[in-house]
């Protein structure tokens, strides 16, 4: 599994960006140069935990935009499955970021479950230079904390020494 300090792979993925067949497109890593990226890998479309996470990331999209972070949902499902899922689940209909068909990218990152063949619930924060700055991986049935993700982004983007349980607005460590 690729980790902190390593280059994030260059990638090209089919993606679903909306609710219409015309919203199926191809997205490349070069489309997002000079921006922070947060990749939210999840196991499968049409499941129970995944939409709770994806929707909450969408609810807080402005928080990510304020930090100049672009969001990408991603799984090993294809773009047609993503489109059908968005249209069948009212919570996902207005999702404000793309869902990537990330079969090859998940393999390149080393985040696929050995027997299930699906993505672990992995989160990658990639800096504007394409370097992985944070990665976390949850087991398949355990959802992430979106507020913790924002806290980590704030800590990393501060370029400061950040103590345990730090929250935005609190003091950093002084040496």
N, C-alpha and C. Protein backbone atom coordinates (compact mmCIF):
# COMPACT_ATOMS: atom_id res chain seq x y z
N UNK A 1 0.84 -1.17 0.00
CA UNK A 1 0.00 0.00 0.00
C UNK A 1 0.89 1.24 0.00
N UNK A 2 0.57 2.19 -0.88
CA UNK A 2 1.33 3.43 -0.91
C UNK A 2 0.99 4.27 0.31
N UNK A 3 2.00 4.99 0.82
CA UNK A 3 1.80 5.75 2.04
C UNK A 3 2.37 7.15 1.99
N UNK A 4 2.41 7.78 3.13
CA UNK A 4 2.82 9.17 3.29
C UNK A 4 4.23 9.37 2.73
N UNK A 5 4.39 10.46 1.98
CA UNK A 5 5.67 10.82 1.41
C UNK A 5 5.91 10.25 0.03
N UNK A 6 5.07 9.34 -0.41
CA UNK A 6 5.23 8.74 -1.73
C UNK A 6 4.39 9.49 -2.75
N UNK A 7 4.82 9.47 -4.01
CA UNK A 7 4.01 10.10 -5.06
C UNK A 7 2.72 9.32 -5.26
N UNK A 8 1.63 10.04 -5.40
CA UNK A 8 0.36 9.43 -5.77
C UNK A 8 0.44 9.09 -7.24
N UNK A 9 -0.06 7.93 -7.66
CA UNK A 9 0.06 7.54 -9.07
C UNK A 9 -0.67 8.51 -10.01
N UNK A 10 -0.13 8.67 -11.20
CA UNK A 10 -0.89 9.34 -12.25
C UNK A 10 -2.06 8.42 -12.59
N UNK A 11 -3.20 9.01 -12.89
CA UNK A 11 -4.38 8.19 -13.11
C UNK A 11 -5.30 8.80 -14.15
N UNK A 12 -6.06 7.92 -14.77
CA UNK A 12 -7.16 8.28 -15.66
C UNK A 12 -8.31 7.36 -15.29
N UNK A 13 -9.47 7.95 -14.99
CA UNK A 13 -10.63 7.16 -14.59
C UNK A 13 -11.88 7.63 -15.31
N UNK A 14 -12.73 6.68 -15.62
CA UNK A 14 -14.09 7.03 -16.02
C UNK A 14 -14.78 7.51 -14.75
N UNK A 15 -15.70 8.45 -14.90
CA UNK A 15 -16.33 9.04 -13.71
C UNK A 15 -17.77 9.40 -13.98
N UNK A 16 -18.53 9.48 -12.90
CA UNK A 16 -19.90 9.96 -12.94
C UNK A 16 -19.94 11.26 -12.15
N UNK A 17 -20.36 12.34 -12.81
CA UNK A 17 -20.37 13.66 -12.17
C UNK A 17 -21.78 14.19 -11.92
N UNK A 18 -22.79 13.44 -12.31
CA UNK A 18 -24.17 13.89 -12.14
C UNK A 18 -25.14 12.74 -12.30
N UNK A 19 -26.36 13.06 -12.72
CA UNK A 19 -27.42 12.05 -12.77
C UNK A 19 -27.87 11.68 -14.18
N UNK A 20 -27.21 12.18 -15.19
CA UNK A 20 -27.59 11.91 -16.58
C UNK A 20 -26.47 11.14 -17.28
N UNK A 21 -26.81 10.36 -18.30
CA UNK A 21 -25.75 9.68 -19.06
C UNK A 21 -24.71 10.65 -19.62
N UNK A 22 -25.10 11.89 -19.89
CA UNK A 22 -24.13 12.88 -20.38
C UNK A 22 -23.16 13.32 -19.28
N UNK A 23 -23.43 12.91 -18.03
CA UNK A 23 -22.54 13.23 -16.91
C UNK A 23 -21.47 12.17 -16.70
N UNK A 24 -21.36 11.23 -17.62
CA UNK A 24 -20.28 10.25 -17.59
C UNK A 24 -19.13 10.84 -18.39
N UNK A 25 -17.96 10.86 -17.79
CA UNK A 25 -16.82 11.54 -18.41
C UNK A 25 -15.53 10.84 -18.01
N UNK A 26 -14.44 11.29 -18.57
CA UNK A 26 -13.12 10.81 -18.20
C UNK A 26 -12.40 11.92 -17.44
N UNK A 27 -11.81 11.57 -16.32
CA UNK A 27 -11.05 12.53 -15.52
C UNK A 27 -9.62 12.02 -15.41
N UNK A 28 -8.66 12.92 -15.50
CA UNK A 28 -7.24 12.59 -15.44
C UNK A 28 -6.60 13.31 -14.26
N UNK A 29 -5.54 12.73 -13.74
CA UNK A 29 -4.81 13.39 -12.66
C UNK A 29 -4.29 14.75 -13.11
N UNK A 30 -4.00 14.91 -14.38
CA UNK A 30 -3.50 16.19 -14.88
C UNK A 30 -4.57 17.28 -14.87
N UNK A 31 -5.85 16.88 -14.75
CA UNK A 31 -6.93 17.87 -14.66
C UNK A 31 -6.90 18.62 -13.34
N UNK A 32 -6.18 18.08 -12.37
CA UNK A 32 -6.24 18.59 -11.01
C UNK A 32 -4.86 19.04 -10.51
N UNK A 33 -3.97 19.39 -11.41
CA UNK A 33 -2.63 19.81 -11.00
C UNK A 33 -2.71 21.08 -10.18
N UNK A 34 -1.78 21.23 -9.26
CA UNK A 34 -1.65 22.42 -8.42
C UNK A 34 -2.81 22.59 -7.46
N UNK A 35 -3.50 21.51 -7.12
CA UNK A 35 -4.59 21.54 -6.14
C UNK A 35 -4.41 20.39 -5.15
N UNK A 36 -4.90 20.57 -3.95
CA UNK A 36 -4.97 19.47 -2.99
C UNK A 36 -6.10 18.54 -3.46
N UNK A 37 -5.95 17.24 -3.23
CA UNK A 37 -6.97 16.27 -3.58
C UNK A 37 -7.23 15.35 -2.40
N UNK A 38 -8.50 15.05 -2.17
CA UNK A 38 -8.87 14.07 -1.17
C UNK A 38 -9.63 12.96 -1.88
N UNK A 39 -9.08 11.75 -1.81
CA UNK A 39 -9.68 10.59 -2.43
C UNK A 39 -10.38 9.77 -1.35
N UNK A 40 -11.67 9.54 -1.55
CA UNK A 40 -12.50 8.83 -0.58
C UNK A 40 -12.86 7.49 -1.23
N UNK A 41 -12.03 6.48 -0.98
CA UNK A 41 -12.30 5.16 -1.54
C UNK A 41 -13.31 4.44 -0.65
N UNK A 42 -14.24 3.75 -1.27
CA UNK A 42 -15.26 3.02 -0.54
C UNK A 42 -15.48 1.67 -1.22
N UNK A 43 -16.02 0.67 -0.49
CA UNK A 43 -16.10 -0.68 -1.04
C UNK A 43 -17.01 -0.86 -2.25
N UNK A 44 -18.29 -0.47 -2.14
CA UNK A 44 -19.23 -0.81 -3.21
C UNK A 44 -20.38 0.19 -3.28
N UNK A 45 -20.89 0.40 -4.48
CA UNK A 45 -22.15 1.08 -4.66
C UNK A 45 -23.26 0.17 -4.11
N UNK A 46 -24.43 0.75 -3.85
CA UNK A 46 -25.61 0.02 -3.40
C UNK A 46 -25.38 -0.72 -2.07
N UNK A 47 -24.64 -0.06 -1.18
CA UNK A 47 -24.42 -0.62 0.15
C UNK A 47 -24.97 0.35 1.19
N UNK A 48 -24.70 0.11 2.45
CA UNK A 48 -25.37 0.83 3.52
C UNK A 48 -24.50 1.90 4.20
N UNK A 49 -23.25 1.60 4.48
CA UNK A 49 -22.37 2.56 5.14
C UNK A 49 -21.87 3.61 4.15
N UNK A 50 -21.56 3.20 2.94
CA UNK A 50 -20.95 4.09 1.95
C UNK A 50 -21.73 5.38 1.71
N UNK A 51 -23.05 5.34 1.51
CA UNK A 51 -23.74 6.61 1.26
C UNK A 51 -23.72 7.55 2.45
N UNK A 52 -23.65 7.00 3.67
CA UNK A 52 -23.60 7.90 4.83
C UNK A 52 -22.34 8.75 4.80
N UNK A 53 -21.24 8.15 4.40
CA UNK A 53 -19.98 8.89 4.30
C UNK A 53 -20.00 9.87 3.13
N UNK A 54 -20.34 9.36 1.95
CA UNK A 54 -20.29 10.19 0.75
C UNK A 54 -21.19 11.41 0.89
N UNK A 55 -22.38 11.22 1.45
CA UNK A 55 -23.30 12.34 1.63
C UNK A 55 -22.71 13.36 2.61
N UNK A 56 -22.14 12.90 3.72
CA UNK A 56 -21.60 13.83 4.72
C UNK A 56 -20.41 14.62 4.15
N UNK A 57 -19.57 13.98 3.35
CA UNK A 57 -18.50 14.73 2.68
C UNK A 57 -19.12 15.80 1.78
N UNK A 58 -20.21 15.45 1.09
CA UNK A 58 -20.89 16.41 0.23
C UNK A 58 -21.51 17.55 0.99
N UNK A 59 -22.11 17.26 2.15
CA UNK A 59 -22.71 18.30 2.98
C UNK A 59 -21.66 19.35 3.37
N UNK A 60 -20.45 18.89 3.60
CA UNK A 60 -19.37 19.79 4.04
C UNK A 60 -18.45 20.22 2.90
N UNK A 61 -18.93 20.14 1.66
CA UNK A 61 -18.10 20.46 0.49
C UNK A 61 -17.48 21.85 0.57
N UNK A 62 -18.21 22.83 1.09
CA UNK A 62 -17.67 24.19 1.18
C UNK A 62 -16.48 24.25 2.11
N UNK A 63 -16.48 23.42 3.16
CA UNK A 63 -15.33 23.35 4.07
C UNK A 63 -14.09 22.88 3.32
N UNK A 64 -14.28 21.92 2.45
CA UNK A 64 -13.14 21.42 1.66
C UNK A 64 -12.71 22.47 0.64
N UNK A 65 -13.66 23.13 0.00
CA UNK A 65 -13.32 24.18 -0.97
C UNK A 65 -12.56 25.31 -0.30
N UNK A 66 -12.95 25.67 0.93
CA UNK A 66 -12.24 26.72 1.68
C UNK A 66 -10.78 26.35 1.90
N UNK A 67 -10.49 25.07 1.94
CA UNK A 67 -9.12 24.58 2.15
C UNK A 67 -8.43 24.26 0.82
N UNK A 68 -9.10 24.58 -0.28
CA UNK A 68 -8.59 24.32 -1.63
C UNK A 68 -8.33 22.84 -1.88
N UNK A 69 -9.28 22.02 -1.40
CA UNK A 69 -9.19 20.57 -1.54
C UNK A 69 -10.33 20.10 -2.44
N UNK A 70 -9.99 19.38 -3.50
CA UNK A 70 -10.97 18.78 -4.40
C UNK A 70 -11.25 17.35 -3.93
N UNK A 71 -12.52 16.98 -3.91
CA UNK A 71 -12.93 15.64 -3.47
C UNK A 71 -13.18 14.72 -4.65
N UNK A 72 -12.83 13.45 -4.44
CA UNK A 72 -13.10 12.41 -5.41
C UNK A 72 -13.57 11.17 -4.66
N UNK A 73 -14.80 10.74 -4.87
CA UNK A 73 -15.23 9.44 -4.37
C UNK A 73 -14.71 8.40 -5.35
N UNK A 74 -14.41 7.20 -4.87
CA UNK A 74 -13.83 6.20 -5.76
C UNK A 74 -14.09 4.79 -5.25
N UNK A 75 -14.40 3.91 -6.18
CA UNK A 75 -14.54 2.49 -5.86
C UNK A 75 -14.16 1.68 -7.09
N UNK A 76 -14.25 0.37 -6.94
CA UNK A 76 -13.96 -0.50 -8.08
C UNK A 76 -15.19 -0.74 -8.95
N UNK A 77 -16.33 -0.14 -8.58
CA UNK A 77 -17.51 -0.20 -9.45
C UNK A 77 -17.28 0.68 -10.67
N UNK A 78 -18.00 0.38 -11.76
CA UNK A 78 -17.82 1.19 -12.97
C UNK A 78 -18.71 2.44 -12.94
N UNK A 79 -18.50 3.31 -13.90
CA UNK A 79 -19.21 4.59 -13.96
C UNK A 79 -20.73 4.40 -14.16
N UNK A 80 -21.13 3.33 -14.81
CA UNK A 80 -22.56 3.06 -15.02
C UNK A 80 -23.23 2.67 -13.70
N UNK A 81 -22.52 1.91 -12.89
CA UNK A 81 -23.02 1.56 -11.57
C UNK A 81 -23.14 2.83 -10.71
N UNK A 82 -22.13 3.70 -10.77
CA UNK A 82 -22.19 4.97 -10.03
C UNK A 82 -23.42 5.77 -10.44
N UNK A 83 -23.67 5.85 -11.73
CA UNK A 83 -24.82 6.61 -12.23
C UNK A 83 -26.14 6.00 -11.73
N UNK A 84 -26.26 4.69 -11.83
CA UNK A 84 -27.48 4.03 -11.37
C UNK A 84 -27.67 4.22 -9.87
N UNK A 85 -26.59 4.16 -9.12
CA UNK A 85 -26.67 4.32 -7.66
C UNK A 85 -27.11 5.73 -7.30
N UNK A 86 -26.50 6.73 -7.96
CA UNK A 86 -26.91 8.12 -7.70
C UNK A 86 -28.40 8.31 -7.97
N UNK A 87 -28.89 7.70 -9.04
CA UNK A 87 -30.30 7.87 -9.42
C UNK A 87 -31.26 7.04 -8.57
N UNK A 88 -30.77 6.01 -7.92
CA UNK A 88 -31.64 5.16 -7.10
C UNK A 88 -31.67 5.58 -5.64
N UNK A 89 -30.70 6.37 -5.22
CA UNK A 89 -30.60 6.77 -3.82
C UNK A 89 -30.76 8.28 -3.72
N UNK A 90 -31.89 8.77 -3.20
CA UNK A 90 -32.14 10.22 -3.16
C UNK A 90 -31.05 11.00 -2.41
N UNK A 91 -30.38 10.35 -1.45
CA UNK A 91 -29.31 11.04 -0.71
C UNK A 91 -28.12 11.36 -1.61
N UNK A 92 -27.93 10.58 -2.67
CA UNK A 92 -26.76 10.75 -3.53
C UNK A 92 -27.04 11.60 -4.77
N UNK A 93 -28.29 11.93 -5.01
CA UNK A 93 -28.66 12.63 -6.23
C UNK A 93 -27.97 13.96 -6.44
N UNK A 94 -27.64 14.66 -5.36
CA UNK A 94 -27.00 15.97 -5.49
C UNK A 94 -25.54 15.95 -5.04
N UNK A 95 -24.94 14.79 -5.03
CA UNK A 95 -23.54 14.68 -4.61
C UNK A 95 -22.68 15.65 -5.42
N UNK A 96 -21.94 16.55 -4.75
CA UNK A 96 -21.25 17.63 -5.47
C UNK A 96 -19.81 17.33 -5.90
N UNK A 97 -19.47 16.08 -6.02
CA UNK A 97 -18.13 15.72 -6.48
C UNK A 97 -18.23 14.42 -7.27
N UNK A 98 -17.23 14.13 -8.10
CA UNK A 98 -17.31 12.94 -8.97
C UNK A 98 -17.09 11.64 -8.22
N UNK A 99 -17.69 10.60 -8.77
CA UNK A 99 -17.41 9.23 -8.34
C UNK A 99 -16.58 8.58 -9.43
N UNK A 100 -15.38 8.16 -9.07
CA UNK A 100 -14.45 7.57 -10.03
C UNK A 100 -14.61 6.06 -10.11
N UNK A 101 -14.53 5.53 -11.32
CA UNK A 101 -14.42 4.10 -11.54
C UNK A 101 -12.92 3.78 -11.46
N UNK A 102 -12.47 3.47 -10.26
CA UNK A 102 -11.03 3.48 -9.94
C UNK A 102 -10.43 2.09 -9.79
N UNK A 103 -10.78 1.18 -10.67
CA UNK A 103 -10.29 -0.18 -10.56
C UNK A 103 -8.76 -0.23 -10.59
N UNK A 104 -8.16 0.36 -11.60
CA UNK A 104 -6.69 0.33 -11.73
C UNK A 104 -6.02 1.16 -10.64
N UNK A 105 -6.58 2.33 -10.33
CA UNK A 105 -5.99 3.19 -9.29
C UNK A 105 -5.99 2.48 -7.95
N UNK A 106 -7.07 1.79 -7.61
CA UNK A 106 -7.12 1.05 -6.34
C UNK A 106 -6.04 -0.03 -6.29
N UNK A 107 -5.83 -0.71 -7.40
CA UNK A 107 -4.76 -1.72 -7.46
C UNK A 107 -3.39 -1.07 -7.34
N UNK A 108 -3.19 0.05 -8.04
CA UNK A 108 -1.90 0.75 -7.98
C UNK A 108 -1.57 1.21 -6.56
N UNK A 109 -2.61 1.60 -5.82
CA UNK A 109 -2.41 2.04 -4.43
C UNK A 109 -2.26 0.88 -3.47
N UNK A 110 -2.71 -0.30 -3.86
CA UNK A 110 -2.63 -1.47 -2.99
C UNK A 110 -3.69 -1.48 -1.91
N UNK A 111 -4.90 -0.98 -2.24
CA UNK A 111 -5.95 -0.86 -1.23
C UNK A 111 -7.16 -1.75 -1.52
N UNK A 112 -6.97 -2.82 -2.26
CA UNK A 112 -8.09 -3.73 -2.52
C UNK A 112 -8.04 -4.91 -1.55
N UNK A 113 -9.20 -5.28 -1.06
CA UNK A 113 -9.35 -6.41 -0.15
C UNK A 113 -8.98 -7.68 -0.90
N UNK A 114 -8.15 -8.53 -0.29
CA UNK A 114 -7.61 -9.71 -0.98
C UNK A 114 -8.69 -10.67 -1.48
N UNK A 115 -9.72 -10.92 -0.70
CA UNK A 115 -10.72 -11.90 -1.12
C UNK A 115 -11.97 -11.26 -1.72
N UNK A 116 -12.33 -10.08 -1.27
CA UNK A 116 -13.54 -9.41 -1.77
C UNK A 116 -13.29 -8.68 -3.09
N UNK A 117 -12.05 -8.27 -3.34
CA UNK A 117 -11.71 -7.57 -4.58
C UNK A 117 -12.25 -6.16 -4.66
N UNK A 118 -12.66 -5.58 -3.53
CA UNK A 118 -13.17 -4.22 -3.48
C UNK A 118 -12.20 -3.33 -2.72
N UNK A 119 -12.40 -2.03 -2.81
CA UNK A 119 -11.53 -1.09 -2.09
C UNK A 119 -11.79 -1.17 -0.60
N UNK A 120 -10.71 -1.08 0.16
CA UNK A 120 -10.88 -0.78 1.57
C UNK A 120 -11.42 0.64 1.66
N UNK A 121 -11.89 1.02 2.81
CA UNK A 121 -12.39 2.37 3.06
C UNK A 121 -11.16 3.25 3.32
N UNK A 122 -10.45 3.58 2.25
CA UNK A 122 -9.19 4.33 2.34
C UNK A 122 -9.40 5.80 2.01
N UNK A 123 -8.65 6.65 2.68
CA UNK A 123 -8.68 8.09 2.43
C UNK A 123 -7.26 8.53 2.15
N UNK A 124 -7.06 9.23 1.04
CA UNK A 124 -5.75 9.76 0.67
C UNK A 124 -5.85 11.27 0.50
N UNK A 125 -4.99 12.00 1.21
CA UNK A 125 -4.84 13.43 1.00
C UNK A 125 -3.54 13.63 0.23
N UNK A 126 -3.66 14.26 -0.94
CA UNK A 126 -2.52 14.46 -1.83
C UNK A 126 -2.30 15.95 -2.00
N UNK A 127 -1.05 16.37 -1.83
CA UNK A 127 -0.74 17.80 -1.93
C UNK A 127 -0.65 18.25 -3.39
N UNK A 128 -0.53 19.56 -3.62
CA UNK A 128 -0.49 20.06 -5.00
C UNK A 128 0.69 19.55 -5.83
N UNK A 129 1.71 19.02 -5.19
CA UNK A 129 2.86 18.46 -5.91
C UNK A 129 2.68 16.97 -6.20
N UNK A 130 1.52 16.41 -5.80
CA UNK A 130 1.25 15.00 -6.08
C UNK A 130 1.81 14.04 -5.04
N UNK A 131 2.16 14.53 -3.86
CA UNK A 131 2.73 13.69 -2.81
C UNK A 131 1.66 13.37 -1.77
N UNK A 132 1.60 12.11 -1.37
CA UNK A 132 0.65 11.69 -0.35
C UNK A 132 1.05 12.29 0.99
N UNK A 133 0.15 13.06 1.60
CA UNK A 133 0.41 13.69 2.89
C UNK A 133 -0.29 12.98 4.04
N UNK A 134 -1.33 12.23 3.75
CA UNK A 134 -2.07 11.51 4.81
C UNK A 134 -2.81 10.37 4.16
N UNK A 135 -2.83 9.25 4.84
CA UNK A 135 -3.62 8.11 4.40
C UNK A 135 -4.16 7.42 5.64
N UNK A 136 -5.39 7.00 5.54
CA UNK A 136 -6.00 6.20 6.60
C UNK A 136 -6.85 5.14 5.93
N UNK A 137 -6.93 3.99 6.58
CA UNK A 137 -7.69 2.89 6.02
C UNK A 137 -8.55 2.27 7.12
N UNK A 138 -9.84 2.19 6.85
CA UNK A 138 -10.77 1.55 7.78
C UNK A 138 -11.17 0.20 7.23
N UNK A 139 -11.56 -0.74 8.11
CA UNK A 139 -12.09 -1.99 7.62
C UNK A 139 -13.40 -1.75 6.85
N UNK A 140 -13.79 -2.70 6.05
CA UNK A 140 -14.95 -2.52 5.17
C UNK A 140 -16.21 -2.02 5.88
N UNK A 141 -16.58 -2.50 7.07
CA UNK A 141 -17.85 -2.07 7.65
C UNK A 141 -17.80 -0.79 8.49
N UNK A 142 -16.64 -0.14 8.60
CA UNK A 142 -16.50 1.00 9.52
C UNK A 142 -16.34 2.31 8.76
N UNK A 143 -17.29 3.23 8.95
CA UNK A 143 -17.26 4.52 8.29
C UNK A 143 -16.25 5.48 8.90
N UNK A 144 -15.91 6.50 8.13
CA UNK A 144 -14.95 7.53 8.53
C UNK A 144 -15.62 8.68 9.26
N UNK A 145 -14.81 9.53 9.89
CA UNK A 145 -15.27 10.78 10.48
C UNK A 145 -14.88 11.92 9.54
N UNK A 146 -15.87 12.60 9.00
CA UNK A 146 -15.59 13.70 8.09
C UNK A 146 -14.97 14.87 8.86
N UNK A 147 -15.43 15.12 10.08
CA UNK A 147 -14.86 16.23 10.86
C UNK A 147 -13.40 15.94 11.22
N UNK A 148 -13.06 14.69 11.46
CA UNK A 148 -11.66 14.35 11.72
C UNK A 148 -10.83 14.56 10.45
N UNK A 149 -11.39 14.25 9.31
CA UNK A 149 -10.69 14.48 8.05
C UNK A 149 -10.38 15.97 7.89
N UNK A 150 -11.35 16.83 8.16
CA UNK A 150 -11.12 18.28 8.08
C UNK A 150 -10.06 18.73 9.08
N UNK A 151 -10.08 18.18 10.29
CA UNK A 151 -9.08 18.53 11.31
C UNK A 151 -7.68 18.16 10.84
N UNK A 152 -7.55 16.99 10.25
CA UNK A 152 -6.24 16.54 9.75
C UNK A 152 -5.76 17.45 8.62
N UNK A 153 -6.66 17.82 7.72
CA UNK A 153 -6.29 18.73 6.63
C UNK A 153 -5.80 20.06 7.21
N UNK A 154 -6.53 20.61 8.17
CA UNK A 154 -6.10 21.86 8.81
C UNK A 154 -4.73 21.71 9.44
N UNK A 155 -4.51 20.60 10.13
CA UNK A 155 -3.22 20.37 10.78
C UNK A 155 -2.09 20.28 9.75
N UNK A 156 -2.30 19.52 8.70
CA UNK A 156 -1.26 19.35 7.68
C UNK A 156 -0.99 20.66 6.95
N UNK A 157 -2.04 21.37 6.57
CA UNK A 157 -1.85 22.62 5.84
C UNK A 157 -1.26 23.73 6.70
N UNK A 158 -1.27 23.58 8.03
CA UNK A 158 -0.71 24.61 8.92
C UNK A 158 0.81 24.65 8.86
N UNK A 159 1.45 23.54 8.49
CA UNK A 159 2.91 23.43 8.51
C UNK A 159 3.49 23.72 9.89
N UNK A 160 2.75 23.39 10.92
CA UNK A 160 3.17 23.60 12.31
C UNK A 160 3.31 22.26 13.02
N UNK A 161 3.88 22.30 14.24
CA UNK A 161 3.88 21.13 15.11
C UNK A 161 2.52 21.07 15.78
N UNK A 162 1.80 20.01 15.55
CA UNK A 162 0.41 19.92 15.99
C UNK A 162 0.30 18.87 17.10
N UNK A 163 -0.12 19.29 18.31
CA UNK A 163 -0.21 18.34 19.42
C UNK A 163 -1.42 17.41 19.31
N UNK A 164 -1.40 16.38 20.10
CA UNK A 164 -2.51 15.43 20.21
C UNK A 164 -3.80 16.18 20.55
N UNK A 165 -4.89 15.76 19.93
CA UNK A 165 -6.22 16.32 20.17
C UNK A 165 -6.35 17.80 19.84
N UNK A 166 -5.43 18.33 19.06
CA UNK A 166 -5.51 19.73 18.62
C UNK A 166 -6.78 19.94 17.82
N UNK A 167 -7.36 21.12 17.97
CA UNK A 167 -8.49 21.53 17.16
C UNK A 167 -8.17 22.86 16.53
N UNK A 168 -8.70 23.15 15.33
CA UNK A 168 -8.46 24.44 14.70
C UNK A 168 -8.80 25.59 15.65
N UNK A 169 -7.90 26.56 15.67
CA UNK A 169 -8.06 27.71 16.57
C UNK A 169 -7.22 27.58 17.82
N UNK A 170 -6.80 26.36 18.15
CA UNK A 170 -5.94 26.16 19.32
C UNK A 170 -4.49 26.43 18.94
N UNK A 171 -3.67 26.60 19.95
CA UNK A 171 -2.26 26.91 19.72
C UNK A 171 -1.50 25.67 19.24
N UNK A 172 -0.46 25.94 18.46
CA UNK A 172 0.44 24.90 18.03
C UNK A 172 1.56 24.76 19.06
N UNK A 173 2.35 23.71 18.95
CA UNK A 173 3.50 23.53 19.85
C UNK A 173 4.58 24.55 19.48
N UNK A 174 5.22 25.08 20.47
CA UNK A 174 6.36 25.99 20.26
C UNK A 174 7.62 25.26 20.71
N UNK A 175 8.65 25.37 19.93
CA UNK A 175 9.91 24.69 20.25
C UNK A 175 10.89 25.68 20.84
